[in-house]
């Protein structure tokens, strides 16, 4: 395939393969996007990205590894990614996040690792005491954002579960750990 894209009229077949050791070791995502190539719109600082069924229609980002959105948010596969563009700036990005967690016992916990453009930024831990929404904040150093403002957040579940294996009364065979409700970006 010459170059990184094959054009046919208005359609573009684009092959993007991630290759950085940290991301490949935990994610290994290879994507094939078929359709018109569209640049990512810019996220507005201070305005929440809503991952509910209504909010996903308005989100200025592209997502991978997510189940169908529900009224309150979207469950993630064991590995998920969100591509977005953030405004240029010199200050670090502060991300406020809201989650729902699949825990089945009082002492149960779920952990996720979050990567920004292939660099691990944080491990978040959730327990049954968190409730909904479970709120967490984390920072992303500005040097982890691409020169073009493109930011890929990868979310990797450290210890996902299949509900039906935990409780035979549950028919849910999805691999679950956390669901994302909102992300809000700010500069600090």
Protein backbone atom coordinates (compact mmCIF):
# COMPACT_ATOMS: atom_id res chain seq x y z
CA UNK A 1 0.00 0.00 0.00
CA UNK A 2 1.78 3.18 -1.10
CA UNK A 3 1.82 5.82 1.63
CA UNK A 4 -0.59 5.59 4.51
CA UNK A 5 -3.88 6.02 2.65
CA UNK A 6 -5.57 4.70 -0.46
CA UNK A 7 -8.01 7.14 -2.06
CA UNK A 8 -10.98 6.18 -4.18
CA UNK A 9 -13.10 9.19 -5.08
CA UNK A 10 -14.26 10.82 -1.83
CA UNK A 11 -13.56 7.70 0.22
CA UNK A 12 -10.30 7.07 1.96
CA UNK A 13 -9.04 3.77 3.22
CA UNK A 14 -6.62 4.67 5.95
CA UNK A 15 -4.48 2.20 7.84
CA UNK A 16 -3.17 3.41 11.19
CA UNK A 17 -1.01 1.06 13.20
CA UNK A 18 0.13 2.09 16.65
CA UNK A 19 3.67 1.22 17.43
CA UNK A 20 5.19 2.30 20.67
CA UNK A 21 6.46 -0.19 23.20
CA UNK A 22 4.37 0.97 26.18
CA UNK A 23 1.12 1.04 24.23
CA UNK A 24 1.80 -2.17 22.28
CA UNK A 25 2.55 -4.10 25.46
CA UNK A 26 -0.82 -3.24 26.95
CA UNK A 27 -3.02 -2.43 24.00
CA UNK A 28 -1.76 -3.54 20.58
CA UNK A 29 -4.57 -1.72 18.76
CA UNK A 30 -4.58 -1.77 15.01
CA UNK A 31 -7.39 0.08 13.28
CA UNK A 32 -8.76 0.16 9.81
CA UNK A 33 -10.96 3.17 9.13
CA UNK A 34 -12.99 3.10 5.92
CA UNK A 35 -14.95 6.15 4.83
CA UNK A 36 -14.46 9.86 4.31
CA UNK A 37 -11.51 11.12 6.32
CA UNK A 38 -12.60 13.89 8.68
CA UNK A 39 -10.35 15.91 10.98
CA UNK A 40 -11.17 15.72 14.68
CA UNK A 41 -13.10 18.73 15.94
CA UNK A 42 -11.58 20.53 18.93
CA UNK A 43 -12.79 19.81 22.46
CA UNK A 44 -14.03 22.88 24.35
CA UNK A 45 -12.27 23.39 27.65
CA UNK A 46 -14.63 23.19 30.61
CA UNK A 47 -17.44 21.57 28.57
CA UNK A 48 -18.08 17.92 29.51
CA UNK A 49 -17.85 15.18 26.91
CA UNK A 50 -20.97 13.11 27.58
CA UNK A 51 -20.75 9.37 26.91
CA UNK A 52 -24.48 8.68 27.42
CA UNK A 53 -26.60 7.61 24.44
CA UNK A 54 -27.72 11.22 23.89
CA UNK A 55 -24.26 12.68 24.48
CA UNK A 56 -22.42 10.34 22.11
CA UNK A 57 -24.27 11.94 19.19
CA UNK A 58 -22.68 15.31 20.05
CA UNK A 59 -19.17 14.25 21.14
CA UNK A 60 -16.30 15.74 19.12
CA UNK A 61 -14.24 12.57 19.41
CA UNK A 62 -13.84 9.13 17.88
CA UNK A 63 -14.07 6.09 20.13
CA UNK A 64 -12.96 2.47 19.87
CA UNK A 65 -13.60 -0.47 22.18
CA UNK A 66 -16.90 0.66 23.65
CA UNK A 67 -20.22 -1.12 23.93
CA UNK A 68 -23.49 0.55 22.88
CA UNK A 69 -24.14 3.69 24.92
CA UNK A 70 -26.79 3.64 27.64
CA UNK A 71 -28.81 6.52 29.15
CA UNK A 72 -26.10 7.28 31.75
CA UNK A 73 -22.85 6.35 29.93
CA UNK A 74 -21.01 3.64 28.00
CA UNK A 75 -19.35 0.43 29.21
CA UNK A 76 -15.81 -0.04 27.92
CA UNK A 77 -14.25 -3.23 26.62
CA UNK A 78 -11.12 -4.37 28.43
CA UNK A 79 -9.27 -1.99 26.10
CA UNK A 80 -10.75 1.22 24.71
CA UNK A 81 -9.51 4.42 23.07
CA UNK A 82 -10.80 7.93 22.60
CA UNK A 83 -9.32 10.19 19.91
CA UNK A 84 -9.84 13.92 20.31
CA UNK A 85 -8.22 17.28 19.64
CA UNK A 86 -7.49 19.73 22.42
CA UNK A 87 -6.78 23.47 22.02
CA UNK A 88 -3.16 24.59 21.88
CA UNK A 89 -1.67 25.75 25.15
CA UNK A 90 1.31 25.58 27.48
CA UNK A 91 -0.39 24.45 30.69
CA UNK A 92 -1.04 20.86 31.73
CA UNK A 93 -4.44 19.35 31.04
CA UNK A 94 -6.60 18.53 34.04
CA UNK A 95 -9.21 15.88 33.34
CA UNK A 96 -12.25 15.43 35.57
CA UNK A 97 -13.93 12.08 34.92
CA UNK A 98 -17.09 10.27 35.99
CA UNK A 99 -17.37 6.47 35.91
CA UNK A 100 -19.62 3.55 36.73
CA UNK A 101 -17.83 0.44 37.98
CA UNK A 102 -18.74 -3.24 37.87
CA UNK A 103 -18.03 -4.56 41.37
CA UNK A 104 -19.82 -7.55 42.86
CA UNK A 105 -18.61 -7.74 46.46
CA UNK A 106 -17.79 -5.26 49.19
CA UNK A 107 -14.05 -5.92 48.99
CA UNK A 108 -13.98 -6.08 45.18
CA UNK A 109 -12.11 -3.42 43.22
CA UNK A 110 -11.44 -2.52 39.60
CA UNK A 111 -8.34 -0.85 38.26
CA UNK A 112 -7.72 0.88 34.93
CA UNK A 113 -4.60 2.35 33.40
CA UNK A 114 -4.94 5.50 31.30
CA UNK A 115 -2.43 6.32 28.57
CA UNK A 116 -2.08 9.64 26.71
CA UNK A 117 -0.57 9.16 23.25
CA UNK A 118 1.17 6.00 24.42
CA UNK A 119 2.45 7.34 27.76
CA UNK A 120 0.94 6.02 30.99
CA UNK A 121 -0.48 8.90 33.01
CA UNK A 122 -2.37 7.22 35.83
CA UNK A 123 -3.82 4.06 37.34
CA UNK A 124 -7.29 4.62 38.76
CA UNK A 125 -8.80 2.30 41.37
CA UNK A 126 -12.49 1.89 42.16
CA UNK A 127 -14.35 -0.01 44.88
CA UNK A 128 -17.97 -0.71 45.80
CA UNK A 129 -17.85 2.31 48.14
CA UNK A 130 -17.45 4.73 45.22
CA UNK A 131 -21.11 4.77 44.17
CA UNK A 132 -22.25 6.37 40.93
CA UNK A 133 -20.82 8.46 39.55
CA UNK A 134 -17.35 7.56 40.79
CA UNK A 135 -15.42 10.81 40.27
CA UNK A 136 -11.71 10.90 39.56
CA UNK A 137 -9.32 13.59 38.30
CA UNK A 138 -5.95 13.22 36.65
CA UNK A 139 -3.42 15.42 34.85
CA UNK A 140 -1.88 15.06 31.41
CA UNK A 141 1.41 16.92 30.87
CA UNK A 142 1.14 19.15 27.78
CA UNK A 143 4.22 17.53 26.20
CA UNK A 144 2.20 14.30 25.87
CA UNK A 145 -0.20 16.04 23.46
CA UNK A 146 0.74 16.00 19.78
CA UNK A 147 1.83 19.24 18.09
CA UNK A 148 -1.46 19.15 16.19
CA UNK A 149 -3.46 18.90 19.44
CA UNK A 150 -4.46 15.28 18.79
CA UNK A 151 -4.78 13.24 21.95
CA UNK A 152 -5.48 9.52 22.10
CA UNK A 153 -6.60 8.34 25.51
CA UNK A 154 -6.28 4.58 25.93
CA UNK A 155 -8.09 2.98 28.82
CA UNK A 156 -6.90 -0.48 29.76
CA UNK A 157 -8.73 -2.55 32.37
CA UNK A 158 -6.26 -4.25 34.70
CA UNK A 159 -8.79 -6.72 36.12
CA UNK A 160 -11.97 -6.94 34.03
CA UNK A 161 -14.67 -9.54 34.73
CA UNK A 162 -17.51 -11.27 32.92
CA UNK A 163 -20.68 -10.77 35.00
CA UNK A 164 -22.12 -14.20 34.09
CA UNK A 165 -18.97 -15.90 35.41
CA UNK A 166 -19.18 -14.00 38.71
CA UNK A 167 -22.90 -14.61 39.19
CA UNK A 168 -24.61 -17.37 37.15
CA UNK A 169 -27.95 -15.53 37.54
CA UNK A 170 -26.61 -12.76 35.32
CA UNK A 171 -26.86 -13.38 31.57
CA UNK A 172 -24.34 -10.65 30.71
CA UNK A 173 -21.29 -12.19 28.97
CA UNK A 174 -19.55 -8.91 28.17
CA UNK A 175 -16.08 -8.27 29.55
CA UNK A 176 -16.61 -5.35 31.97
CA UNK A 177 -14.62 -3.21 34.31
CA UNK A 178 -15.72 0.42 34.05
CA UNK A 179 -18.18 2.57 32.15
CA UNK A 180 -17.46 6.15 31.22
CA UNK A 181 -20.08 8.84 31.85
CA UNK A 182 -18.20 12.15 31.39
CA UNK A 183 -14.79 13.67 30.72
CA UNK A 184 -14.14 17.38 31.23
CA UNK A 185 -10.86 19.00 30.18
CA UNK A 186 -9.39 22.18 31.68
CA UNK A 187 -5.95 23.83 31.75
CA UNK A 188 -4.05 24.45 34.94
